[in-house]
């Protein structure tokens, strides 16, 4: 999937169908001149229905179509025949999509299950035919109800990537390289900041044909919680990850301070993010020898650098500790 095809935010206009009109027909038959009212009811207008689809990973299919209007219900007919219901419109959404009312910002629905259906706009009711209104004093009513209007709403679709592990780190920390080594994903990799502008998903193949999903997300910067840089567009994608993998390069000026900045941005955005399991990977360990690595390990332990979160030195280039990293992540994802 190319970056240009990854759409994670879009606004759409939805309108359900109007109900059909009731019929004012009066029964006529040979030798029966005044058979009374027999007008049928109008059909229901078409619904707009949201549906979860596990085969979708992006909102790209809304890039060129953002207005959806369901069909009107059919009008009633003679012999009390009810008009046809308007055809419903199904809108497929990837799992992890949040649906908000554009005007109020209120969450209307969250798509979490494949096949999950939610009627977001109900079709208008069909009008009742004239036979409903006959009585002993009004035997030939010549009126019927019109159908009611459908509903119209402007909504915003926000995709929050569904993955088991979310990669958290500053730009150019090596997240894309790590993803390319752990999985078959082929993210854009270069030695400059903000190479990754859209989330990349990869499936990690583990022992005995088991797998888990890891997401490389645009690098966080100080102030992201206030919307600086990519800001909220990044942060919302790690809300659904059960485990956060912090990636900090070994050549960082201050590993402990960098971790605290990342943690603080998550805390400001949503304090509940700190309740997730956390693991720290110190990348680019191929630049270190054993003596320097042991010295750094002692300093980090003495500082209590990661507030008790476990850590490990790794190298995507030399494959150092790659299998051990998989083992640890799998253990965190599956422990009770």
Protein backbone atom coordinates (compact mmCIF):
# COMPACT_ATOMS: atom_id res chain seq x y z
CA UNK A 1 0.00 0.00 0.00
CA UNK A 2 1.48 3.35 -0.95
CA UNK A 3 1.38 6.31 1.38
CA UNK A 4 -0.90 8.22 -0.98
CA UNK A 5 -3.51 5.49 -0.74
CA UNK A 6 -3.64 5.53 3.05
CA UNK A 7 -6.56 7.75 4.02
CA UNK A 8 -7.37 7.77 7.74
CA UNK A 9 -9.69 10.80 8.01
CA UNK A 10 -12.62 11.90 5.88
CA UNK A 11 -15.93 13.76 6.09
CA UNK A 12 -19.05 12.46 4.35
CA UNK A 13 -22.68 13.49 3.91
CA UNK A 14 -25.35 10.83 4.44
CA UNK A 15 -29.07 11.01 3.62
CA UNK A 16 -31.62 8.24 3.98
CA UNK A 17 -34.59 7.86 1.65
CA UNK A 18 -37.99 9.48 2.06
CA UNK A 19 -40.97 7.20 2.75
CA UNK A 20 -43.41 6.52 -0.08
CA UNK A 21 -46.89 8.10 -0.25
CA UNK A 22 -50.00 6.24 0.79
CA UNK A 23 -52.56 5.60 -1.96
CA UNK A 24 -56.01 7.25 -2.12
CA UNK A 25 -57.42 4.58 -4.44
CA UNK A 26 -61.12 3.65 -4.27
CA UNK A 27 -62.05 0.09 -5.14
CA UNK A 28 -63.80 -0.26 -8.51
CA UNK A 29 -65.02 -3.49 -10.05
CA UNK A 30 -67.73 -4.57 -12.48
CA UNK A 31 -71.11 -4.42 -10.76
CA UNK A 32 -69.42 -2.78 -7.73
CA UNK A 33 -69.47 0.96 -8.27
CA UNK A 34 -68.60 2.00 -4.74
CA UNK A 35 -66.31 -0.60 -3.25
CA UNK A 36 -64.76 1.70 -0.68
CA UNK A 37 -61.16 2.72 -0.05
CA UNK A 38 -58.39 0.20 -0.76
CA UNK A 39 -55.28 2.38 -1.07
CA UNK A 40 -52.13 0.70 0.23
CA UNK A 41 -49.33 2.11 2.38
CA UNK A 42 -46.15 3.67 1.10
CA UNK A 43 -42.89 1.78 1.47
CA UNK A 44 -40.11 2.70 3.88
CA UNK A 45 -37.27 4.84 2.60
CA UNK A 46 -33.83 3.27 2.29
CA UNK A 47 -31.55 3.17 5.35
CA UNK A 48 -27.88 4.18 5.41
CA UNK A 49 -26.08 1.30 7.16
CA UNK A 50 -22.46 1.24 8.31
CA UNK A 51 -20.78 -2.17 8.21
CA UNK A 52 -17.41 -3.40 9.49
CA UNK A 53 -15.17 -5.05 6.90
CA UNK A 54 -11.98 -6.79 8.04
CA UNK A 55 -10.58 -6.70 4.50
CA UNK A 56 -10.31 -2.92 4.46
CA UNK A 57 -7.28 -1.12 5.92
CA UNK A 58 -7.93 2.46 4.87
CA UNK A 59 -10.66 5.01 4.08
CA UNK A 60 -9.31 5.47 0.55
CA UNK A 61 -12.62 4.47 -1.04
CA UNK A 62 -14.10 7.77 0.26
CA UNK A 63 -11.47 9.88 -1.50
CA UNK A 64 -13.71 10.60 -4.48
CA UNK A 65 -17.20 9.79 -3.16
CA UNK A 66 -18.43 11.61 -0.07
CA UNK A 67 -22.17 11.93 -0.62
CA UNK A 68 -24.53 9.00 -0.13
CA UNK A 69 -28.30 9.16 -0.61
CA UNK A 70 -30.59 6.15 -0.24
CA UNK A 71 -33.60 5.52 -2.48
CA UNK A 72 -37.14 6.71 -1.73
CA UNK A 73 -39.80 4.20 -0.75
CA UNK A 74 -42.37 3.21 -3.37
CA UNK A 75 -45.90 4.63 -3.27
CA UNK A 76 -48.85 2.54 -2.13
CA UNK A 77 -51.20 1.06 -4.74
CA UNK A 78 -54.72 -0.31 -5.11
CA UNK A 79 -55.90 -3.49 -3.39
CA UNK A 80 -54.02 -2.39 -0.29
CA UNK A 81 -50.67 -3.12 -1.88
CA UNK A 82 -47.73 -1.63 0.02
CA UNK A 83 -45.04 0.18 -1.92
CA UNK A 84 -41.57 -1.32 -2.10
CA UNK A 85 -39.04 -0.30 0.54
CA UNK A 86 -36.27 1.92 -0.76
CA UNK A 87 -32.97 0.13 -1.34
CA UNK A 88 -30.61 0.41 1.64
CA UNK A 89 -27.07 1.68 1.18
CA UNK A 90 -24.30 -0.24 2.95
CA UNK A 91 -21.09 1.65 3.68
CA UNK A 92 -18.16 -0.64 4.47
CA UNK A 93 -15.59 0.64 6.96
CA UNK A 94 -12.29 -0.82 8.17
CA UNK A 95 -12.20 -2.12 11.72
CA UNK A 96 -11.06 0.57 14.12
CA UNK A 97 -13.07 3.39 12.52
CA UNK A 98 -14.61 5.97 14.84
CA UNK A 99 -17.73 7.73 13.51
CA UNK A 100 -18.31 11.26 14.80
CA UNK A 101 -21.06 13.81 14.23
CA UNK A 102 -19.16 16.49 12.32
CA UNK A 103 -21.11 19.36 13.86
CA UNK A 104 -20.92 18.31 17.54
CA UNK A 105 -17.81 16.10 17.50
CA UNK A 106 -19.74 13.48 19.47
CA UNK A 107 -18.88 9.82 18.83
CA UNK A 108 -21.87 8.14 17.16
CA UNK A 109 -20.43 4.66 16.65
CA UNK A 110 -17.20 2.66 16.65
CA UNK A 111 -16.60 -0.14 14.18
CA UNK A 112 -14.82 -2.98 15.97
CA UNK A 113 -16.25 -6.25 14.60
CA UNK A 114 -16.29 -7.71 11.10
CA UNK A 115 -19.87 -7.69 9.80
CA UNK A 116 -21.00 -5.30 12.57
CA UNK A 117 -23.95 -3.28 11.17
CA UNK A 118 -25.24 0.04 12.45
CA UNK A 119 -28.12 2.06 10.98
CA UNK A 120 -26.84 5.61 11.10
CA UNK A 121 -29.70 7.14 9.08
CA UNK A 122 -33.12 5.51 9.21
CA UNK A 123 -35.30 5.72 6.14
CA UNK A 124 -38.52 7.75 6.35
CA UNK A 125 -41.74 5.91 7.20
CA UNK A 126 -44.19 5.19 4.42
CA UNK A 127 -47.51 7.06 4.56
CA UNK A 128 -50.67 5.12 5.40
CA UNK A 129 -53.17 4.49 2.63
CA UNK A 130 -56.77 5.78 2.72
CA UNK A 131 -58.25 2.46 3.85
CA UNK A 132 -56.80 3.17 7.33
CA UNK A 133 -59.06 6.21 7.65
CA UNK A 134 -62.48 4.76 6.83
CA UNK A 135 -65.12 4.77 9.55
CA UNK A 136 -68.87 4.47 9.92
CA UNK A 137 -69.22 8.21 9.31
CA UNK A 138 -66.44 8.54 6.70
CA UNK A 139 -66.81 5.61 4.34
CA UNK A 140 -64.89 6.98 1.35
CA UNK A 141 -61.89 8.98 2.62
CA UNK A 142 -60.10 10.53 -0.32
CA UNK A 143 -56.84 11.32 1.43
CA UNK A 144 -53.78 9.41 2.59
CA UNK A 145 -50.58 10.22 4.42
CA UNK A 146 -47.45 11.36 2.63
CA UNK A 147 -44.24 9.57 3.60
CA UNK A 148 -41.98 11.13 6.22
CA UNK A 149 -38.64 12.67 5.31
CA UNK A 150 -35.45 10.66 5.67
CA UNK A 151 -32.60 11.69 7.95
CA UNK A 152 -29.54 13.66 6.88
CA UNK A 153 -26.29 13.94 8.78
CA UNK A 154 -22.68 15.00 8.21
CA UNK A 155 -20.26 12.57 9.81
CA UNK A 156 -16.50 12.25 10.12
CA UNK A 157 -14.77 8.90 9.82
CA UNK A 158 -11.51 8.58 11.80
CA UNK A 159 -9.48 5.41 11.42
CA UNK A 160 -7.53 4.24 14.47
CA UNK A 161 -5.21 1.47 13.38
CA UNK A 162 -5.93 -1.89 15.02
CA UNK A 163 -2.63 -3.54 15.92
CA UNK A 164 -1.23 -5.54 18.84
CA UNK A 165 1.98 -3.54 19.18
CA UNK A 166 2.48 0.15 18.44
CA UNK A 167 5.98 1.53 17.75
CA UNK A 168 6.59 4.82 19.59
CA UNK A 169 9.65 6.99 18.99
CA UNK A 170 11.05 10.21 17.66
CA UNK A 171 11.44 10.72 13.91
CA UNK A 172 14.39 8.80 12.48
CA UNK A 173 14.60 6.44 15.48
CA UNK A 174 14.66 3.39 13.18
CA UNK A 175 11.03 2.28 13.50
CA UNK A 176 10.54 1.63 9.78
CA UNK A 177 13.77 -0.35 9.60
CA UNK A 178 12.73 -2.46 12.57
CA UNK A 179 9.31 -3.12 11.01
CA UNK A 180 10.92 -4.20 7.73
CA UNK A 181 13.15 -6.68 9.63
CA UNK A 182 10.45 -8.13 11.90
CA UNK A 183 7.79 -8.40 9.19
CA UNK A 184 7.34 -8.60 5.44
CA UNK A 185 6.24 -4.95 5.32
CA UNK A 186 8.24 -2.61 3.09
CA UNK A 187 7.89 0.88 4.57
CA UNK A 188 9.69 3.89 3.12
CA UNK A 189 13.11 4.16 4.79
CA UNK A 190 15.55 7.07 4.61
CA UNK A 191 17.94 8.90 6.91
CA UNK A 192 15.84 12.00 7.54
CA UNK A 193 12.98 12.96 9.82
CA UNK A 194 9.35 12.17 9.03
CA UNK A 195 10.09 9.57 6.37
CA UNK A 196 6.92 7.82 7.55
CA UNK A 197 3.89 10.03 7.05
CA UNK A 198 1.23 7.31 7.30
CA UNK A 199 0.94 4.24 9.55
CA UNK A 200 2.46 1.02 8.26
CA UNK A 201 1.18 -2.37 9.43
CA UNK A 202 3.19 -5.56 9.44
CA UNK A 203 2.48 -9.13 10.54
CA UNK A 204 5.21 -10.69 12.69
CA UNK A 205 5.52 -14.43 12.12
CA UNK A 206 6.22 -16.14 15.43
CA UNK A 207 6.86 -19.75 16.41
CA UNK A 208 4.41 -22.53 15.47
CA UNK A 209 2.76 -20.41 12.75
CA UNK A 210 1.47 -17.86 15.26
CA UNK A 211 1.42 -14.17 14.39
CA UNK A 212 0.84 -10.72 15.83
CA UNK A 213 0.44 -7.29 14.22
CA UNK A 214 2.84 -4.40 14.73
CA UNK A 215 2.29 -0.81 13.57
CA UNK A 216 4.96 1.71 12.65
CA UNK A 217 3.39 5.12 13.10
CA UNK A 218 4.72 8.61 12.22
CA UNK A 219 7.38 9.77 14.68
CA UNK A 220 6.25 11.70 17.72
CA UNK A 221 7.74 15.12 18.50
CA UNK A 222 7.54 17.28 21.59
CA UNK A 223 4.21 19.10 21.47
CA UNK A 224 2.40 16.40 19.48
CA UNK A 225 -0.41 16.30 22.06
CA UNK A 226 -1.19 19.93 21.21
CA UNK A 227 -1.24 19.10 17.52
CA UNK A 228 2.30 20.22 16.71
CA UNK A 229 3.84 18.44 13.74
CA UNK A 230 1.66 15.48 12.81
CA UNK A 231 0.20 15.64 16.33
CA UNK A 232 -3.17 13.99 16.85
CA UNK A 233 -3.02 12.26 13.48
CA UNK A 234 -0.23 10.15 14.96
CA UNK A 235 -1.41 9.78 18.53
CA UNK A 236 -4.88 8.42 17.80
CA UNK A 237 -3.37 5.42 16.02
CA UNK A 238 -1.73 4.04 19.17
CA UNK A 239 -4.89 4.24 21.31
CA UNK A 240 -5.96 0.74 20.27
CA UNK A 241 -2.57 -0.99 20.64
CA UNK A 242 -2.40 -3.28 23.65
CA UNK A 243 1.40 -2.96 23.97
CA UNK A 244 3.63 0.02 23.24
CA UNK A 245 7.18 -0.55 22.04
CA UNK A 246 9.32 2.53 22.65
CA UNK A 247 12.28 2.75 20.27
CA UNK A 248 15.17 4.98 21.31
CA UNK A 249 18.48 5.02 19.40
CA UNK A 250 21.67 4.20 21.33
CA UNK A 251 23.33 7.39 20.01
CA UNK A 252 20.68 9.61 21.62
CA UNK A 253 22.05 12.50 23.72
CA UNK A 254 19.98 11.37 26.73
CA UNK A 255 18.08 8.09 26.47
CA UNK A 256 16.24 8.56 29.75
CA UNK A 257 15.11 12.12 28.89
CA UNK A 258 13.93 11.04 25.45
CA UNK A 259 11.78 8.31 27.00
CA UNK A 260 10.24 10.82 29.44
CA UNK A 261 9.36 13.22 26.61
CA UNK A 262 7.61 10.44 24.70
CA UNK A 263 5.78 9.33 27.83
CA UNK A 264 4.71 12.89 28.63
CA UNK A 265 3.19 13.42 25.18
CA UNK A 266 1.11 10.26 25.61
CA UNK A 267 0.06 11.39 29.10
CA UNK A 268 -1.10 14.81 27.84
CA UNK A 269 -3.03 13.28 24.95
CA UNK A 270 -4.76 10.55 26.98
CA UNK A 271 -3.64 9.50 30.50
CA UNK A 272 -5.13 6.03 29.94
CA UNK A 273 -2.34 5.37 27.43
CA UNK A 274 0.03 4.92 30.36
CA UNK A 275 -2.00 1.90 31.51
CA UNK A 276 -0.76 -0.09 28.51
CA UNK A 277 2.12 -2.53 28.69
CA UNK A 278 5.40 -0.79 27.80
CA UNK A 279 8.70 -2.15 26.54
CA UNK A 280 11.80 -0.14 25.57
CA UNK A 281 14.11 -1.18 22.73
CA UNK A 282 17.41 0.69 22.50
CA UNK A 283 18.19 0.49 18.79
CA UNK A 284 21.40 0.80 16.75
CA UNK A 285 23.25 -1.47 19.19
CA UNK A 286 25.58 -2.47 16.33
CA UNK A 287 27.35 0.84 17.03
CA UNK A 288 28.30 -0.37 20.53
CA UNK A 289 30.81 -2.92 21.78
CA UNK A 290 30.07 -5.18 24.74
CA UNK A 291 31.97 -2.99 27.20
CA UNK A 292 30.12 0.19 26.24
CA UNK A 293 26.77 -1.63 26.23
CA UNK A 294 27.38 -2.92 29.76
CA UNK A 295 28.37 0.57 30.91
CA UNK A 296 25.18 2.06 29.48
CA UNK A 297 23.14 -0.73 31.08
CA UNK A 298 24.59 0.10 34.51
CA UNK A 299 23.86 3.81 34.08
CA UNK A 300 20.27 3.18 33.02
CA UNK A 301 19.68 0.79 35.93
CA UNK A 302 21.15 3.26 38.43
CA UNK A 303 18.95 6.05 37.06
CA UNK A 304 15.83 3.90 37.13
CA UNK A 305 15.55 5.18 33.57
CA UNK A 306 12.27 3.64 32.40
CA UNK A 307 10.20 3.61 35.61
CA UNK A 308 10.38 -0.17 35.85
CA UNK A 309 9.56 -0.84 32.18
CA UNK A 310 11.77 -3.65 30.79
CA UNK A 311 14.30 -2.78 28.11
CA UNK A 312 16.63 -4.47 25.65
CA UNK A 313 19.44 -3.48 23.28
CA UNK A 314 18.70 -4.40 19.66
CA UNK A 315 20.03 -3.84 16.17
CA UNK A 316 17.87 -4.13 13.06
CA UNK A 317 20.96 -4.07 10.85
CA UNK A 318 22.90 -6.89 12.51
CA UNK A 319 19.74 -8.73 13.71
CA UNK A 320 21.05 -8.51 17.28
CA UNK A 321 18.38 -9.67 19.79
CA UNK A 322 15.64 -9.77 17.12
CA UNK A 323 14.32 -13.18 18.16
CA UNK A 324 14.54 -12.22 21.83
CA UNK A 325 12.50 -9.09 21.08
CA UNK A 326 9.81 -11.20 19.38
CA UNK A 327 9.78 -13.57 22.35
CA UNK A 328 9.34 -10.74 24.82
CA UNK A 329 6.57 -9.02 22.86
CA UNK A 330 4.71 -12.32 22.41
CA UNK A 331 4.98 -12.96 26.14
CA UNK A 332 3.60 -9.50 26.97
CA UNK A 333 0.71 -9.90 24.53
CA UNK A 334 -0.30 -13.29 25.89
CA UNK A 335 0.31 -13.10 29.62
CA UNK A 336 -2.79 -13.10 31.81
